[in-house]
């Protein structure tokens, strides 16, 4: 049973080391990608513009107009 326990402890240690190595590798890759995004102005512009962004901005404007209309309706009803 000692041998089995030693193998379990060793395998857990190796698993943890591999996990730590992969975590550091992924952190480096993400940092490189974010640095690339930071230096590439056209890429940033493309990420900040697009169909979804345009739709979100249009939806925001529609909501603002709707709020103004609701305020106008309330004002009309209070005048009556």
Protein backbone atom coordinates (compact mmCIF):
# COMPACT_ATOMS: atom_id res chain seq x y z
CA UNK A 1 0.00 0.00 0.00
CA UNK A 2 2.99 2.30 0.53
CA UNK A 3 3.99 1.93 -3.09
CA UNK A 4 0.43 2.71 -4.21
CA UNK A 5 0.32 5.80 -1.98
CA UNK A 6 3.70 6.97 -3.26
CA UNK A 7 2.55 6.57 -6.87
CA UNK A 8 -0.64 8.56 -6.12
CA UNK A 9 1.34 11.37 -4.50
CA UNK A 10 3.83 11.43 -7.38
CA UNK A 11 1.10 11.43 -10.01
CA UNK A 12 -0.70 14.28 -8.23
CA UNK A 13 2.52 16.29 -8.09
CA UNK A 14 3.19 15.70 -11.80
CA UNK A 15 -0.41 16.59 -12.66
CA UNK A 16 -0.08 19.84 -10.69
CA UNK A 17 3.21 20.71 -12.43
CA UNK A 18 1.68 20.11 -15.85
CA UNK A 19 -1.33 22.21 -14.90
CA UNK A 20 0.92 25.06 -13.73
CA UNK A 21 3.03 24.90 -16.89
CA UNK A 22 -0.07 25.00 -19.10
CA UNK A 23 -1.51 27.88 -17.10
CA UNK A 24 1.65 29.92 -17.55
CA UNK A 25 1.74 29.08 -21.27
CA UNK A 26 -1.86 30.20 -21.73
CA UNK A 27 -1.20 33.40 -19.78
CA UNK A 28 1.73 34.20 -22.07
CA UNK A 29 -0.35 33.53 -25.19
CA UNK A 30 -3.22 35.69 -23.97
CA UNK A 31 -0.79 38.48 -23.06
CA UNK A 32 0.79 38.32 -26.54
CA UNK A 33 -2.61 38.43 -28.22
CA UNK A 34 -3.74 41.37 -26.10
CA UNK A 35 -0.47 43.18 -26.84
CA UNK A 36 -1.09 42.60 -30.57
CA UNK A 37 -4.60 44.03 -30.21
CA UNK A 38 -3.19 47.01 -28.34
CA UNK A 39 -0.69 47.88 -31.07
CA UNK A 40 -2.99 47.26 -34.08
CA UNK A 41 -5.30 50.25 -34.44
CA UNK A 42 -7.27 48.79 -37.37
CA UNK A 43 -7.92 45.60 -35.45
CA UNK A 44 -9.21 47.61 -32.49
CA UNK A 45 -11.44 49.61 -34.80
CA UNK A 46 -12.82 46.42 -36.35
CA UNK A 47 -13.52 44.96 -32.92
CA UNK A 48 -15.30 48.13 -31.84
CA UNK A 49 -17.40 48.31 -34.98
CA UNK A 50 -19.60 45.70 -36.50
CA UNK A 51 -23.18 44.65 -36.99
CA UNK A 52 -23.77 43.78 -33.33
CA UNK A 53 -22.25 47.03 -32.11
CA UNK A 54 -24.31 49.02 -34.61
CA UNK A 55 -27.48 47.19 -33.56
CA UNK A 56 -26.72 47.80 -29.89
CA UNK A 57 -26.22 51.52 -30.53
CA UNK A 58 -29.44 51.70 -32.55
CA UNK A 59 -31.32 49.87 -29.79
CA UNK A 60 -30.00 52.38 -27.27
CA UNK A 61 -31.28 55.26 -29.41
CA UNK A 62 -34.68 53.58 -29.81
CA UNK A 63 -34.96 53.16 -26.04
CA UNK A 64 -34.11 56.83 -25.52
CA UNK A 65 -36.80 57.87 -28.00
CA UNK A 66 -39.28 55.53 -26.31
CA UNK A 67 -38.52 57.06 -22.90
CA UNK A 68 -39.05 60.56 -24.32
CA UNK A 69 -42.36 59.48 -25.84
CA UNK A 70 -43.50 58.03 -22.53
CA UNK A 71 -42.58 61.28 -20.77
CA UNK A 72 -44.50 63.21 -23.43
CA UNK A 73 -47.58 61.00 -22.98
CA UNK A 74 -47.46 61.48 -19.21
CA UNK A 75 -47.18 65.25 -19.70
CA UNK A 76 -50.16 65.24 -22.08
CA UNK A 77 -52.26 63.22 -19.66
CA UNK A 78 -51.48 65.57 -16.78
CA UNK A 79 -52.60 68.59 -18.85
CA UNK A 80 -56.06 67.11 -19.39
